[in-house]
C-alpha atoms as a PDB file:
ATOM      1  CA  MET A   1      40.389 -46.682 -48.888  1.00  0.00           C
ATOM      2  CA  ARG A   2      38.021 -46.706 -45.939  1.00  0.00           C
ATOM      3  CA  ARG A   3      40.960 -46.777 -43.519  1.00  0.00           C
ATOM      4  CA  SER A   4      42.628 -43.812 -45.235  1.00  0.00           C
ATOM      5  CA  PHE A   5      39.382 -41.821 -45.049  1.00  0.00           C
ATOM      6  CA  PHE A   6      39.033 -42.628 -41.340  1.00  0.00           C
ATOM      7  CA  LEU A   7      42.588 -41.461 -40.587  1.00  0.00           C
ATOM      8  CA  LEU A   8      42.048 -38.260 -42.551  1.00  0.00           C
ATOM      9  CA  ALA A   9      38.830 -37.488 -40.655  1.00  0.00           C
ATOM     10  CA  LEU A  10      40.511 -38.209 -37.330  1.00  0.00           C
ATOM     11  CA  ALA A  11      43.347 -35.855 -38.163  1.00  0.00           C
ATOM     12  CA  PHE A  12      40.822 -33.155 -39.134  1.00  0.00           C
ATOM     13  CA  VAL A  13      38.908 -33.510 -35.855  1.00  0.00           C
ATOM     14  CA  ALA A  14      42.119 -33.494 -33.847  1.00  0.00           C
ATOM     15  CA  GLY A  15      43.170 -30.304 -35.557  1.00  0.00           C
ATOM     16  CA  CYS A  16      39.840 -28.623 -34.746  1.00  0.00           C
ATOM     17  CA  VAL A  17      40.033 -29.737 -31.151  1.00  0.00           C
ATOM     18  CA  GLU A  18      43.547 -28.413 -30.871  1.00  0.00           C
ATOM     19  CA  ARG A  19      42.554 -25.017 -32.223  1.00  0.00           C
ATOM     20  CA  ASP A  20      39.214 -24.645 -30.438  1.00  0.00           C
ATOM     21  CA  ASN A  21      39.964 -26.177 -27.049  1.00  0.00           C
ATOM     22  CA  PRO A  22      39.140 -23.411 -24.535  1.00  0.00           C
ATOM     23  CA  PHE A  23      41.422 -25.040 -21.970  1.00  0.00           C
ATOM     24  CA  ASP A  24      44.410 -24.880 -24.262  1.00  0.00           C
ATOM     25  CA  PRO A  25      46.653 -22.018 -23.010  1.00  0.00           C
ATOM     26  CA  VAL A  26      47.061 -20.909 -26.596  1.00  0.00           C
ATOM     27  CA  ASN A  27      43.314 -20.144 -26.809  1.00  0.00           C
ATOM     28  CA  VAL A  28      43.000 -18.287 -23.466  1.00  0.00           C
ATOM     29  CA  PRO A  29      42.525 -14.536 -24.097  1.00  0.00           C
ATOM     30  CA  ALA A  30      45.575 -12.572 -23.073  1.00  0.00           C
ATOM     31  CA  ARG A  31      45.085 -10.586 -19.890  1.00  0.00           C
ATOM     32  CA  PRO A  32      46.037  -6.916 -20.046  1.00  0.00           C
ATOM     33  CA  VAL A  33      49.382  -6.136 -18.477  1.00  0.00           C
ATOM     34  CA  VAL A  34      48.930  -3.685 -15.614  1.00  0.00           C
ATOM     35  CA  GLU A  35      52.066  -1.728 -14.919  1.00  0.00           C
ATOM     36  CA  PRO A  36      52.597  -1.157 -11.201  1.00  0.00           C
ATOM     37  CA  LYS A  37      52.443   2.458 -10.138  1.00  0.00           C
ATOM     38  CA  PRO A  38      55.777   3.805  -8.952  1.00  0.00           C
ATOM     39  CA  VAL A  39      56.043   4.197  -5.212  1.00  0.00           C
ATOM     40  CA  VAL A  40      56.925   7.807  -4.419  1.00  0.00           C
ATOM     41  CA  TRP A  41      58.397   8.708  -1.073  1.00  0.00           C
ATOM     42  CA  ILE A  42      56.553  11.675   0.430  1.00  0.00           C
ATOM     43  CA  PRO A  43      58.324  13.686   3.125  1.00  0.00           C
ATOM     44  CA  ASP A  44      56.701  13.965   6.524  1.00  0.00           C
ATOM     45  CA  THR A  45      55.338  17.413   7.267  1.00  0.00           C
ATOM     46  CA  ASN A  46      55.744  19.392  10.474  1.00  0.00           C
ATOM     47  CA  ASP A  47      56.047  23.016  11.568  1.00  0.00           C
ATOM     48  CA  HIS A  48      59.288  23.448   9.612  1.00  0.00           C
ATOM     49  CA  VAL A  49      58.752  21.023   6.719  1.00  0.00           C
ATOM     50  CA  LYS A  50      56.187  21.844   4.031  1.00  0.00           C
ATOM     51  CA  VAL A  51      55.274  19.706   1.022  1.00  0.00           C
ATOM     52  CA  VAL A  52      53.973  21.102  -2.284  1.00  0.00           C
ATOM     53  CA  LEU A  53      51.806  18.315  -3.711  1.00  0.00           C
ATOM     54  CA  PRO A  54      49.158  19.876  -5.983  1.00  0.00           C
ATOM     55  CA  ASP A  55      47.130  16.739  -6.829  1.00  0.00           C
ATOM     56  CA  SER A  56      46.583  15.704  -3.216  1.00  0.00           C
ATOM     57  CA  LEU A  57      44.541  18.611  -1.893  1.00  0.00           C
ATOM     58  CA  PRO A  58      41.231  17.419  -0.425  1.00  0.00           C
ATOM     59  CA  LEU A  59      38.341  19.405  -1.855  1.00  0.00           C
ATOM     60  CA  GLY A  60      37.087  21.977   0.598  1.00  0.00           C
ATOM     61  CA  SER A  61      39.755  21.316   3.209  1.00  0.00           C
ATOM     62  CA  ARG A  62      40.732  24.396   5.212  1.00  0.00           C
ATOM     63  CA  ASN A  63      43.898  22.923   6.681  1.00  0.00           C
ATOM     64  CA  PRO A  64      45.303  20.405   4.195  1.00  0.00           C
ATOM     65  CA  LYS A  65      48.350  18.372   5.066  1.00  0.00           C
ATOM     66  CA  PHE A  66      49.955  19.403   1.782  1.00  0.00           C
ATOM     67  CA  ILE A  67      50.193  22.763   0.012  1.00  0.00           C
ATOM     68  CA  GLY A  68      49.005  23.358  -3.541  1.00  0.00           C
ATOM     69  CA  THR A  69      51.611  25.821  -4.828  1.00  0.00           C
ATOM     70  CA  LEU A  70      55.109  26.967  -4.012  1.00  0.00           C
ATOM     71  CA  GLY A  71      53.775  30.508  -3.607  1.00  0.00           C
ATOM     72  CA  SER A  72      51.437  29.363  -0.832  1.00  0.00           C
ATOM     73  CA  ALA A  73      54.287  27.481   0.842  1.00  0.00           C
ATOM     74  CA  LEU A  74      56.497  30.576   0.711  1.00  0.00           C
ATOM     75  CA  SER A  75      53.786  32.741   2.278  1.00  0.00           C
ATOM     76  CA  ALA A  76      53.459  30.256   5.164  1.00  0.00           C
ATOM     77  CA  ARG A  77      57.193  29.798   5.745  1.00  0.00           C
ATOM     78  CA  LYS A  78      59.143  30.209   8.982  1.00  0.00           C
ATOM     79  CA  PRO A  79      62.890  30.765   9.481  1.00  0.00           C
ATOM     80  CA  GLY A  80      64.801  27.606   8.628  1.00  0.00           C
ATOM     81  CA  ASP A  81      61.912  25.934   6.816  1.00  0.00           C
ATOM     82  CA  THR A  82      62.403  23.199   4.246  1.00  0.00           C
ATOM     83  CA  ILE A  83      59.950  23.105   1.349  1.00  0.00           C
ATOM     84  CA  TRP A  84      59.659  19.946  -0.760  1.00  0.00           C
ATOM     85  CA  VAL A  85      58.162  20.273  -4.265  1.00  0.00           C
ATOM     86  CA  TYR A  86      56.671  17.220  -5.980  1.00  0.00           C
ATOM     87  CA  GLY A  87      58.303  16.170  -9.249  1.00  0.00           C
ATOM     88  CA  GLY A  88      55.370  14.165 -10.614  1.00  0.00           C
ATOM     89  CA  GLY A  89      56.964  10.747 -10.186  1.00  0.00           C
ATOM     90  CA  ASN A  90      59.132  11.233 -13.280  1.00  0.00           C
ATOM     91  CA  GLY A  91      59.528  14.996 -13.551  1.00  0.00           C
ATOM     92  CA  ARG A  92      56.902  17.732 -13.538  1.00  0.00           C
ATOM     93  CA  GLU A  93      56.498  21.187 -15.061  1.00  0.00           C
ATOM     94  CA  TYR A  94      54.903  24.123 -13.247  1.00  0.00           C
ATOM     95  CA  LEU A  95      53.785  26.964 -15.505  1.00  0.00           C
ATOM     96  CA  LEU A  96      54.379  30.529 -14.266  1.00  0.00           C
ATOM     97  CA  SER A  97      52.592  33.637 -15.517  1.00  0.00           C
ATOM     98  CA  GLY A  98      55.365  35.859 -14.149  1.00  0.00           C
ATOM     99  CA  THR A  99      58.619  35.854 -12.210  1.00  0.00           C
ATOM    100  CA  LEU A 100      58.848  33.552  -9.202  1.00  0.00           C
ATOM    101  CA  LYS A 101      59.995  35.864  -6.382  1.00  0.00           C
ATOM    102  CA  ILE A 102      61.727  34.935  -3.152  1.00  0.00           C
ATOM    103  CA  ILE A 103      62.246  38.122  -1.146  1.00  0.00           C
ATOM    104  CA  GLY A 104      63.251  38.625   2.468  1.00  0.00           C
ATOM    105  CA  LEU A 105      63.317  34.946   3.480  1.00  0.00           C
ATOM    106  CA  GLY A 106      65.711  32.926   5.635  1.00  0.00           C
ATOM    107  CA  SER A 107      68.873  33.889   7.470  1.00  0.00           C
ATOM    108  CA  LEU A 108      72.514  32.916   7.175  1.00  0.00           C
ATOM    109  CA  GLU A 109      72.141  30.537  10.136  1.00  0.00           C
ATOM    110  CA  LYS A 110      68.719  29.279   9.046  1.00  0.00           C
ATOM    111  CA  PRO A 111      68.397  29.522   5.246  1.00  0.00           C
ATOM    112  CA  LEU A 112      65.244  28.649   3.379  1.00  0.00           C
ATOM    113  CA  VAL A 113      65.774  25.237   1.758  1.00  0.00           C
ATOM    114  CA  ILE A 114      63.730  24.181  -1.301  1.00  0.00           C
ATOM    115  CA  LEU A 115      64.143  20.598  -2.530  1.00  0.00           C
ATOM    116  CA  THR A 116      62.405  18.227  -4.938  1.00  0.00           C
ATOM    117  CA  PHE A 117      61.061  14.709  -4.471  1.00  0.00           C
ATOM    118  CA  GLY A 118      59.640  12.236  -6.975  1.00  0.00           C
ATOM    119  CA  GLY A 119      61.584  13.624  -9.942  1.00  0.00           C
ATOM    120  CA  ARG A 120      62.981  16.935 -11.153  1.00  0.00           C
ATOM    121  CA  VAL A 121      60.836  20.059 -11.112  1.00  0.00           C
ATOM    122  CA  LYS A 122      60.738  22.616 -13.918  1.00  0.00           C
ATOM    123  CA  PHE A 123      59.375  26.132 -13.511  1.00  0.00           C
ATOM    124  CA  ARG A 124      58.587  27.526 -16.962  1.00  0.00           C
ATOM    125  CA  LEU A 125      57.385  31.007 -17.822  1.00  0.00           C
ATOM    126  CA  ASP A 126      54.214  30.900 -19.892  1.00  0.00           C
ATOM    127  CA  PRO A 127      55.150  32.410 -23.295  1.00  0.00           C
ATOM    128  CA  SER A 128      51.551  33.523 -23.866  1.00  0.00           C
ATOM    129  CA  GLN A 129      51.731  35.963 -20.916  1.00  0.00           C
ATOM    130  CA  SER A 130      53.103  39.505 -20.895  1.00  0.00           C
ATOM    131  CA  LYS A 131      56.887  39.752 -21.042  1.00  0.00           C
ATOM    132  CA  SER A 132      56.667  42.782 -18.717  1.00  0.00           C
ATOM    133  CA  TYR A 133      56.364  40.372 -15.789  1.00  0.00           C
ATOM    134  CA  GLN A 134      58.939  37.890 -17.058  1.00  0.00           C
ATOM    135  CA  GLN A 135      62.292  39.644 -16.755  1.00  0.00           C
ATOM    136  CA  TYR A 136      63.515  36.652 -14.745  1.00  0.00           C
ATOM    137  CA  CYS A 137      62.201  33.174 -14.156  1.00  0.00           C
ATOM    138  CA  LEU A 138      63.475  33.332 -10.544  1.00  0.00           C
ATOM    139  CA  LEU A 139      64.260  36.508  -8.584  1.00  0.00           C
ATOM    140  CA  VAL A 140      65.933  36.257  -5.169  1.00  0.00           C
ATOM    141  CA  GLU A 141      66.455  39.379  -3.034  1.00  0.00           C
ATOM    142  CA  ASN A 142      67.456  39.862   0.615  1.00  0.00           C
ATOM    143  CA  SER A 143      67.199  36.125   1.174  1.00  0.00           C
ATOM    144  CA  HIS A 144      69.322  33.199   2.242  1.00  0.00           C
ATOM    145  CA  LEU A 145      68.335  30.350  -0.029  1.00  0.00           C
ATOM    146  CA  ARG A 146      69.402  26.818  -0.873  1.00  0.00           C
ATOM    147  CA  MET A 147      67.804  25.003  -3.846  1.00  0.00           C
ATOM    148  CA  VAL A 148      68.542  21.541  -5.231  1.00  0.00           C
ATOM    149  CA  GLY A 149      67.165  19.778  -8.327  1.00  0.00           C
ATOM    150  CA  PHE A 150      65.237  22.438 -10.271  1.00  0.00           C
ATOM    151  CA  ASP A 151      65.036  23.639 -13.889  1.00  0.00           C
ATOM    152  CA  PHE A 152      64.120  27.219 -14.781  1.00  0.00           C
ATOM    153  CA  ASP A 153      62.856  27.939 -18.294  1.00  0.00           C
ATOM    154  CA  GLY A 154      62.464  31.475 -19.607  1.00  0.00           C
ATOM    155  CA  GLY A 155      63.367  35.012 -18.591  1.00  0.00           C
ATOM    156  CA  VAL A 156      63.801  38.078 -20.786  1.00  0.00           C
ATOM    157  CA  GLU A 157      67.058  39.151 -19.093  1.00  0.00           C
ATOM    158  CA  TYR A 158      68.196  36.235 -16.941  1.00  0.00           C
ATOM    159  CA  GLY A 159      66.841  32.867 -15.981  1.00  0.00           C
ATOM    160  CA  ILE A 160      67.891  33.532 -12.380  1.00  0.00           C
ATOM    161  CA  LYS A 161      68.643  36.919 -10.792  1.00  0.00           C
ATOM    162  CA  VAL A 162      70.051  37.043  -7.255  1.00  0.00           C
ATOM    163  CA  GLY A 163      70.670  40.293  -5.377  1.00  0.00           C
ATOM    164  CA  ALA A 164      70.116  43.934  -6.289  1.00  0.00           C
ATOM    165  CA  GLY A 165      72.010  47.006  -7.447  1.00  0.00           C
ATOM    166  CA  LEU A 166      73.153  47.871  -3.918  1.00  0.00           C
ATOM    167  CA  LEU A 167      74.913  45.703  -1.349  1.00  0.00           C
ATOM    168  CA  THR A 168      72.249  43.631   0.375  1.00  0.00           C
ATOM    169  CA  ASP A 169      71.977  40.864   2.924  1.00  0.00           C
ATOM    170  CA  GLY A 170      71.722  37.419   1.424  1.00  0.00           C
ATOM    171  CA  SER A 171      73.410  34.199   0.339  1.00  0.00           C
ATOM    172  CA  ILE A 172      72.682  31.634  -2.343  1.00  0.00           C
ATOM    173  CA  ASP A 173      73.406  27.918  -2.632  1.00  0.00           C
ATOM    174  CA  LEU A 174      72.318  26.240  -5.883  1.00  0.00           C
ATOM    175  CA  ASP A 175      73.039  22.603  -6.695  1.00  0.00           C
ATOM    176  CA  SER A 176      71.838  20.707  -9.793  1.00  0.00           C
ATOM    177  CA  VAL A 177      69.863  23.748 -10.960  1.00  0.00           C
ATOM    178  CA  ASN A 178      69.590  24.253 -14.736  1.00  0.00           C
ATOM    179  CA  ILE A 179      68.536  27.232 -16.857  1.00  0.00           C
ATOM    180  CA  ASP A 180      66.997  27.119 -20.332  1.00  0.00           C
ATOM    181  CA  HIS A 181      65.600  29.567 -22.937  1.00  0.00           C
ATOM    182  CA  SER A 182      66.502  32.794 -21.124  1.00  0.00           C
ATOM    183  CA  GLY A 183      68.248  35.955 -22.285  1.00  0.00           C
ATOM    184  CA  LEU A 184      71.295  35.014 -20.216  1.00  0.00           C
ATOM    185  CA  GLY A 185      71.783  32.402 -17.532  1.00  0.00           C
ATOM    186  CA  ILE A 186      72.321  33.849 -14.056  1.00  0.00           C
ATOM    187  CA  GLU A 187      73.368  37.098 -12.413  1.00  0.00           C
ATOM    188  CA  VAL A 188      74.448  37.326  -8.774  1.00  0.00           C
ATOM    189  CA  SER A 189      75.145  40.817  -7.485  1.00  0.00           C
ATOM    190  CA  ASN A 190      76.215  42.508  -4.262  1.00  0.00           C
ATOM    191  CA  LEU A 191      75.512  39.860  -1.646  1.00  0.00           C
ATOM    192  CA  ARG A 192      77.038  40.053   1.820  1.00  0.00           C
ATOM    193  CA  GLY A 193      76.856  36.287   2.226  1.00  0.00           C
ATOM    194  CA  PRO A 194      78.550  33.451   0.326  1.00  0.00           C
ATOM    195  CA  VAL A 195      77.613  32.318  -3.195  1.00  0.00           C
ATOM    196  CA  ARG A 196      77.755  28.587  -3.911  1.00  0.00           C
ATOM    197  CA  ILE A 197      76.753  27.285  -7.360  1.00  0.00           C
ATOM    198  CA  ARG A 198      77.516  23.727  -8.441  1.00  0.00           C
ATOM    199  CA  ASN A 199      76.405  21.361 -11.198  1.00  0.00           C
ATOM    200  CA  MET A 200      74.559  23.906 -13.341  1.00  0.00           C
ATOM    201  CA  VAL A 201      73.814  23.658 -17.070  1.00  0.00           C
ATOM    202  CA  ILE A 202      72.747  26.741 -19.053  1.00  0.00           C
ATOM    203  CA  ARG A 203      71.189  25.991 -22.456  1.00  0.00           C
ATOM    204  CA  ASN A 204      69.667  27.908 -25.359  1.00  0.00           C
ATOM    205  CA  TYR A 205      70.307  31.414 -24.021  1.00  0.00           C
ATOM    206  CA  ARG A 206      69.350  34.058 -26.551  1.00  0.00           C
ATOM    207  CA  GLN A 207      71.867  36.874 -26.149  1.00  0.00           C
ATOM    208  CA  ASN A 208      75.004  36.645 -28.245  1.00  0.00           C
ATOM    209  CA  ILE A 209      77.454  36.739 -25.335  1.00  0.00           C
ATOM    210  CA  ALA A 210      80.187  34.174 -24.787  1.00  0.00           C
ATOM    211  CA  VAL A 211      79.677  33.821 -21.013  1.00  0.00           C
ATOM    212  CA  PRO A 212      76.038  33.812 -19.839  1.00  0.00           C
ATOM    213  CA  ILE A 213      76.991  34.336 -16.155  1.00  0.00           C
ATOM    214  CA  ASN A 214      77.512  37.621 -14.327  1.00  0.00           C
ATOM    215  CA  PHE A 215      78.949  37.969 -10.829  1.00  0.00           C
ATOM    216  CA  ILE A 216      79.018  41.498  -9.375  1.00  0.00           C
ATOM    217  CA  GLY A 217      80.572  42.501  -6.048  1.00  0.00           C
ATOM    218  CA  ASP A 218      82.931  40.900  -3.569  1.00  0.00           C
ATOM    219  CA  SER A 219      80.889  37.869  -2.538  1.00  0.00           C
ATOM    220  CA  LEU A 220      82.752  34.749  -1.502  1.00  0.00           C
ATOM    221  CA  LEU A 221      82.385  32.476  -4.559  1.00  0.00           C
ATOM    222  CA  ASP A 222      82.308  28.688  -4.489  1.00  0.00           C
ATOM    223  CA  THR A 223      81.489  27.436  -7.986  1.00  0.00           C
ATOM    224  CA  SER A 224      82.151  24.228  -9.906  1.00  0.00           C
ATOM    225  CA  ASN A 225      80.770  22.228 -12.825  1.00  0.00           C
ATOM    226  CA  ILE A 226      78.942  25.090 -14.567  1.00  0.00           C
ATOM    227  CA  TYR A 227      78.389  24.372 -18.269  1.00  0.00           C
ATOM    228  CA  TRP A 228      76.900  26.269 -21.231  1.00  0.00           C
END
């Protein structure tokens, strides 16, 4: 009887030691898992390369290395410039109060090039603002422009409008550019230069028209992989 009691007590103590031993890996508090931040490649800037990186602006700096908005980058552009817009690491949305306008920029030999880095970039018209300034999400006139990797959301008439009513100088090259929640997708009219549109998806357009694309004039067209 005494021996049985001793074995029972020993088993009880061993169980307590096993549960309460601070050196037992089971009893060590779990350390929080810290996910590594993604490494984002940032383009080098120079006289002809500008980088739109809103969160990096040093407070009070008069000559920051990066530019806070695409509008500021466009106002500081030179012929043949390339503008990189930050995609937030995994995609980023920029809210617009009115139409994003690109007017009188670039040349056929030196077009304005706008690219993304660190994820896709979406420009979305703010639905709380006046529709009077939101006929298009992007308006391009008298410009030679190449854009890659953007989404445009909104626009009373079109998501993207290129050209004007009369024959004007200009060319357009869009690749992997999508349009969402606009009246119709895109209109390109009366450009002297070539029109190249590839890998475009048009979604959720509001007007009850079978084809949400309108090409006007005798521009040289190069289009492929356009879906709606």
